[in-house]
Amino acid sequence: MTERPHQIAVNLQPVTIAKLERLRHLSNLWDNALRIPGTNLRVGLESLIGILPIGGDVIGLLLSCHILFHAIQFKLPKTILLRMVSNIVIDAVVGLVPILGDLFDTTWKANTRNVNLLENYIKQPTLSHSANRKFIVLLWLGVMSIAAILIAACVMLFKLLLLVHF
C-alpha cells in the first residue's frame, strides 16, 4: 500500500504537480525511506549518510540546497524562504555534532519540512508572489557560505586526523 500523506491540489498545472511530486519523493527518500524494525520510527538516507564522519553532512546540505533551489523557482515569499533556510541551517549545524547530530537528523527532517512549506504555499498562497532578485542572491550567498564553512571544517578535521594518526 502506497502512503500519500500530502495530497497536491488538483487545480495546478501538470508541470507544477510533477515537480512537487518529485520533490516530495526526494524528501521522503532522504528523510523517511526506511522504517526501523520493531518501531514506527522512520529514517532516511540522510541519517545513514550523515554517519560518515567527513562529508556526510555536506552531502545532506547539498541535497537540501537542491530542494531550496526548486522552491525559489516557485517564487515563494521571503518569509517562507527564510524558514526553509533556517531549517537547513539548523540541520547542518546540529548535524556537525557527533552522535547527537545523527540522532537529531532522524527527527528534524528539514527536507520534509521544506517540501511541506512549499506545498502549503502553493495550495493556498497568502502573500504576494514577488521575491526580489537581490534577496535571492543574498540567500544563496548565505547558504553557499555555510556549505563552504562545512566543507572547510571537514577538510581541516581530515587533515587533523591525518596528523594525529601519523
C-alpha atoms as a PDB file:
ATOM      1  CA  MET A   1       0.000   0.000   0.000  1.00  0.00           C
ATOM      2  CA  THR A   2       1.458   3.345  -1.028  1.00  0.00           C
ATOM      3  CA  GLU A   3       1.276   6.109   1.568  1.00  0.00           C
ATOM      4  CA  ARG A   4       0.453   9.560   0.324  1.00  0.00           C
ATOM      5  CA  PRO A   5       0.360  11.859   3.354  1.00  0.00           C
ATOM      6  CA  HIS A   6       0.232  15.051   1.324  1.00  0.00           C
ATOM      7  CA  GLN A   7      -2.283  15.450  -1.469  1.00  0.00           C
ATOM      8  CA  ILE A   8      -1.367  18.034  -4.072  1.00  0.00           C
ATOM      9  CA  ALA A   9      -4.065  20.452  -5.201  1.00  0.00           C
ATOM     10  CA  VAL A  10      -5.705  19.282  -8.424  1.00  0.00           C
ATOM     11  CA  ASN A  11      -6.166  22.775  -9.900  1.00  0.00           C
ATOM     12  CA  LEU A  12      -2.425  23.184 -10.506  1.00  0.00           C
ATOM     13  CA  GLN A  13      -0.643  22.894 -13.837  1.00  0.00           C
ATOM     14  CA  PRO A  14       0.566  19.323 -14.616  1.00  0.00           C
ATOM     15  CA  VAL A  15       4.193  20.540 -14.711  1.00  0.00           C
ATOM     16  CA  THR A  16       3.828  22.043 -11.234  1.00  0.00           C
ATOM     17  CA  ILE A  17       2.230  18.871  -9.888  1.00  0.00           C
ATOM     18  CA  ALA A  18       5.006  16.744 -11.403  1.00  0.00           C
ATOM     19  CA  LYS A  19       7.714  18.956  -9.893  1.00  0.00           C
ATOM     20  CA  LEU A  20       6.061  18.885  -6.464  1.00  0.00           C
ATOM     21  CA  GLU A  21       5.711  15.100  -6.628  1.00  0.00           C
ATOM     22  CA  ARG A  22       9.420  14.736  -7.495  1.00  0.00           C
ATOM     23  CA  LEU A  23      10.414  16.993  -4.600  1.00  0.00           C
ATOM     24  CA  ARG A  24       8.092  15.082  -2.234  1.00  0.00           C
ATOM     25  CA  HIS A  25       9.589  11.770  -3.395  1.00  0.00           C
ATOM     26  CA  LEU A  26      13.114  13.122  -2.907  1.00  0.00           C
ATOM     27  CA  SER A  27      12.342  14.427   0.591  1.00  0.00           C
ATOM     28  CA  ASN A  28      10.718  11.101   1.545  1.00  0.00           C
ATOM     29  CA  LEU A  29      13.733   9.190   0.282  1.00  0.00           C
ATOM     30  CA  TRP A  30      16.099  11.477   2.151  1.00  0.00           C
ATOM     31  CA  ASP A  31      14.084  11.732   5.398  1.00  0.00           C
ATOM     32  CA  ASN A  32      11.687   8.741   5.680  1.00  0.00           C
ATOM     33  CA  ALA A  33      12.746   5.926   3.340  1.00  0.00           C
ATOM     34  CA  LEU A  34      13.370   3.232   5.947  1.00  0.00           C
ATOM     35  CA  ARG A  35      11.365   2.050   8.933  1.00  0.00           C
ATOM     36  CA  ILE A  36      13.404   0.985  11.938  1.00  0.00           C
ATOM     37  CA  PRO A  37      12.310  -2.632  12.602  1.00  0.00           C
ATOM     38  CA  GLY A  38      10.035  -3.047  15.603  1.00  0.00           C
ATOM     39  CA  THR A  39       9.181   0.669  15.764  1.00  0.00           C
ATOM     40  CA  ASN A  40       7.117   3.237  13.921  1.00  0.00           C
ATOM     41  CA  LEU A  41      10.212   5.454  13.574  1.00  0.00           C
ATOM     42  CA  ARG A  42      11.273   6.186  10.019  1.00  0.00           C
ATOM     43  CA  VAL A  43      14.688   7.400   8.919  1.00  0.00           C
ATOM     44  CA  GLY A  44      16.009   8.362   5.541  1.00  0.00           C
ATOM     45  CA  LEU A  45      19.204   8.144   3.605  1.00  0.00           C
ATOM     46  CA  GLU A  46      20.364  11.420   5.156  1.00  0.00           C
ATOM     47  CA  SER A  47      20.526   9.762   8.567  1.00  0.00           C
ATOM     48  CA  LEU A  48      22.619   6.936   7.138  1.00  0.00           C
ATOM     49  CA  ILE A  49      24.940   9.138   5.081  1.00  0.00           C
ATOM     50  CA  GLY A  50      25.237  11.587   7.982  1.00  0.00           C
ATOM     51  CA  ILE A  51      27.067   8.875   9.925  1.00  0.00           C
ATOM     52  CA  LEU A  52      30.057   9.367   7.616  1.00  0.00           C
ATOM     53  CA  PRO A  53      32.466  11.450   9.679  1.00  0.00           C
ATOM     54  CA  ILE A  54      33.753  13.513   6.801  1.00  0.00           C
ATOM     55  CA  GLY A  55      31.379  14.785   4.193  1.00  0.00           C
ATOM     56  CA  GLY A  56      28.125  13.106   5.229  1.00  0.00           C
ATOM     57  CA  ASP A  57      26.628  16.362   6.450  1.00  0.00           C
ATOM     58  CA  VAL A  58      27.910  18.202   3.384  1.00  0.00           C
ATOM     59  CA  ILE A  59      26.065  15.735   1.141  1.00  0.00           C
ATOM     60  CA  GLY A  60      22.909  16.329   3.190  1.00  0.00           C
ATOM     61  CA  LEU A  61      23.342  20.077   2.872  1.00  0.00           C
ATOM     62  CA  LEU A  62      23.737  19.845  -0.887  1.00  0.00           C
ATOM     63  CA  LEU A  63      20.510  17.873  -1.243  1.00  0.00           C
ATOM     64  CA  SER A  64      18.692  20.377   0.958  1.00  0.00           C
ATOM     65  CA  CYS A  65      20.027  23.162  -1.277  1.00  0.00           C
ATOM     66  CA  HIS A  66      18.650  21.297  -4.294  1.00  0.00           C
ATOM     67  CA  ILE A  67      15.165  21.401  -2.780  1.00  0.00           C
ATOM     68  CA  LEU A  68      15.641  25.072  -1.853  1.00  0.00           C
ATOM     69  CA  PHE A  69      16.706  25.868  -5.420  1.00  0.00           C
ATOM     70  CA  HIS A  70      13.469  24.396  -6.757  1.00  0.00           C
ATOM     71  CA  ALA A  71      11.451  26.229  -4.107  1.00  0.00           C
ATOM     72  CA  ILE A  72      12.998  29.518  -5.260  1.00  0.00           C
ATOM     73  CA  GLN A  73      11.753  28.804  -8.792  1.00  0.00           C
ATOM     74  CA  PHE A  74       8.192  28.834  -7.404  1.00  0.00           C
ATOM     75  CA  LYS A  75       8.791  32.466  -6.343  1.00  0.00           C
ATOM     76  CA  LEU A  76       7.941  31.887  -2.706  1.00  0.00           C
ATOM     77  CA  PRO A  77       7.742  34.882  -0.370  1.00  0.00           C
ATOM     78  CA  LYS A  78      10.876  35.836   1.553  1.00  0.00           C
ATOM     79  CA  THR A  79       9.396  34.717   4.860  1.00  0.00           C
ATOM     80  CA  ILE A  80       8.886  31.155   3.631  1.00  0.00           C
ATOM     81  CA  LEU A  81      12.320  31.047   2.008  1.00  0.00           C
ATOM     82  CA  LEU A  82      13.860  32.215   5.290  1.00  0.00           C
ATOM     83  CA  ARG A  83      12.030  29.458   7.174  1.00  0.00           C
ATOM     84  CA  MET A  84      13.360  26.939   4.671  1.00  0.00           C
ATOM     85  CA  VAL A  85      16.913  28.239   5.017  1.00  0.00           C
ATOM     86  CA  SER A  86      16.637  28.168   8.813  1.00  0.00           C
ATOM     87  CA  ASN A  87      15.517  24.512   8.621  1.00  0.00           C
ATOM     88  CA  ILE A  88      18.586  23.744   6.504  1.00  0.00           C
ATOM     89  CA  VAL A  89      20.968  25.694   8.760  1.00  0.00           C
ATOM     90  CA  ILE A  90      19.651  24.043  11.925  1.00  0.00           C
ATOM     91  CA  ASP A  91      20.021  20.628  10.292  1.00  0.00           C
ATOM     92  CA  ALA A  92      23.553  21.396   9.074  1.00  0.00           C
ATOM     93  CA  VAL A  93      24.851  22.934  12.302  1.00  0.00           C
ATOM     94  CA  VAL A  94      23.425  20.334  14.683  1.00  0.00           C
ATOM     95  CA  GLY A  95      24.468  17.632  12.216  1.00  0.00           C
ATOM     96  CA  LEU A  96      28.107  18.544  12.827  1.00  0.00           C
ATOM     97  CA  VAL A  97      27.894  17.317  16.426  1.00  0.00           C
ATOM     98  CA  PRO A  98      28.964  13.655  16.517  1.00  0.00           C
ATOM     99  CA  ILE A  99      26.234  11.174  17.522  1.00  0.00           C
ATOM    100  CA  LEU A 100      23.819  13.914  18.678  1.00  0.00           C
ATOM    101  CA  GLY A 101      23.674  15.291  15.146  1.00  0.00           C
ATOM    102  CA  ASP A 102      22.897  11.861  13.728  1.00  0.00           C
ATOM    103  CA  LEU A 103      20.109  11.345  16.243  1.00  0.00           C
ATOM    104  CA  PHE A 104      18.791  14.828  15.506  1.00  0.00           C
ATOM    105  CA  ASP A 105      18.634  14.001  11.772  1.00  0.00           C
ATOM    106  CA  THR A 106      16.192  11.177  12.491  1.00  0.00           C
ATOM    107  CA  THR A 107      13.623  13.596  13.927  1.00  0.00           C
ATOM    108  CA  TRP A 108      14.231  17.061  12.409  1.00  0.00           C
ATOM    109  CA  LYS A 109      13.705  16.100   8.744  1.00  0.00           C
ATOM    110  CA  ALA A 110      14.488  19.503   7.232  1.00  0.00           C
ATOM    111  CA  ASN A 111      13.717  18.377   3.682  1.00  0.00           C
ATOM    112  CA  THR A 112      10.242  17.165   4.589  1.00  0.00           C
ATOM    113  CA  ARG A 113       9.603  20.399   6.462  1.00  0.00           C
ATOM    114  CA  ASN A 114      10.707  22.422   3.464  1.00  0.00           C
ATOM    115  CA  VAL A 115       8.608  20.495   0.939  1.00  0.00           C
ATOM    116  CA  ASN A 116       5.622  20.877   3.301  1.00  0.00           C
ATOM    117  CA  LEU A 117       6.194  24.654   3.363  1.00  0.00           C
ATOM    118  CA  LEU A 118       6.379  24.720  -0.431  1.00  0.00           C
ATOM    119  CA  GLU A 119       3.245  22.612  -0.929  1.00  0.00           C
ATOM    120  CA  ASN A 120       1.247  24.547   1.648  1.00  0.00           C
ATOM    121  CA  TYR A 121       2.092  27.848  -0.004  1.00  0.00           C
ATOM    122  CA  ILE A 122       1.274  26.584  -3.497  1.00  0.00           C
ATOM    123  CA  LYS A 123      -2.062  25.168  -2.302  1.00  0.00           C
ATOM    124  CA  GLN A 124      -3.017  28.417  -0.617  1.00  0.00           C
ATOM    125  CA  PRO A 125      -0.827  31.401  -1.460  1.00  0.00           C
ATOM    126  CA  THR A 126      -1.370  34.062   1.153  1.00  0.00           C
ATOM    127  CA  LEU A 127       1.344  36.523   0.251  1.00  0.00           C
ATOM    128  CA  SER A 128       2.498  38.287  -2.877  1.00  0.00           C
ATOM    129  CA  HIS A 129       4.445  36.222  -5.429  1.00  0.00           C
ATOM    130  CA  SER A 130       7.141  38.867  -5.683  1.00  0.00           C
ATOM    131  CA  ALA A 131      10.569  37.821  -4.472  1.00  0.00           C
ATOM    132  CA  ASN A 132      13.253  40.271  -5.481  1.00  0.00           C
ATOM    133  CA  ARG A 133      16.461  39.141  -7.163  1.00  0.00           C
ATOM    134  CA  LYS A 134      18.737  40.822  -4.598  1.00  0.00           C
ATOM    135  CA  PHE A 135      17.175  38.851  -1.747  1.00  0.00           C
ATOM    136  CA  ILE A 136      17.551  35.570  -3.660  1.00  0.00           C
ATOM    137  CA  VAL A 137      21.219  36.314  -4.397  1.00  0.00           C
ATOM    138  CA  LEU A 138      21.892  37.115  -0.724  1.00  0.00           C
ATOM    139  CA  LEU A 139      20.031  33.982   0.319  1.00  0.00           C
ATOM    140  CA  TRP A 140      22.160  31.814  -1.976  1.00  0.00           C
ATOM    141  CA  LEU A 141      25.350  33.518  -0.849  1.00  0.00           C
ATOM    142  CA  GLY A 142      24.415  32.733   2.755  1.00  0.00           C
ATOM    143  CA  VAL A 143      23.652  29.086   2.037  1.00  0.00           C
ATOM    144  CA  MET A 144      26.792  28.653  -0.064  1.00  0.00           C
ATOM    145  CA  SER A 145      28.857  30.310   2.693  1.00  0.00           C
ATOM    146  CA  ILE A 146      27.536  27.759   5.161  1.00  0.00           C
ATOM    147  CA  ALA A 147      28.367  24.979   2.699  1.00  0.00           C
ATOM    148  CA  ALA A 148      31.899  26.352   2.258  1.00  0.00           C
ATOM    149  CA  ILE A 149      32.375  26.517   6.031  1.00  0.00           C
ATOM    150  CA  LEU A 150      31.179  22.915   6.416  1.00  0.00           C
ATOM    151  CA  ILE A 151      33.480  21.727   3.644  1.00  0.00           C
ATOM    152  CA  ALA A 152      36.431  23.636   5.144  1.00  0.00           C
ATOM    153  CA  ALA A 153      35.657  22.153   8.573  1.00  0.00           C
ATOM    154  CA  CYS A 154      35.600  18.645   7.086  1.00  0.00           C
ATOM    155  CA  VAL A 155      38.917  19.222   5.290  1.00  0.00           C
ATOM    156  CA  MET A 156      40.546  20.615   8.450  1.00  0.00           C
ATOM    157  CA  LEU A 157      39.212  17.697  10.506  1.00  0.00           C
ATOM    158  CA  PHE A 158      40.553  15.249   7.934  1.00  0.00           C
ATOM    159  CA  LYS A 159      43.976  16.925   7.976  1.00  0.00           C
ATOM    160  CA  LEU A 160      43.964  16.940  11.773  1.00  0.00           C
ATOM    161  CA  LEU A 161      43.110  13.241  11.854  1.00  0.00           C
ATOM    162  CA  LEU A 162      45.937  12.511   9.420  1.00  0.00           C
ATOM    163  CA  LEU A 163      48.426  14.494  11.545  1.00  0.00           C
ATOM    164  CA  VAL A 164      47.361  12.752  14.736  1.00  0.00           C
ATOM    165  CA  HIS A 165      47.375   9.321  13.126  1.00  0.00           C
ATOM    166  CA  PHE A 166      50.793   9.629  11.511  1.00  0.00           C
END
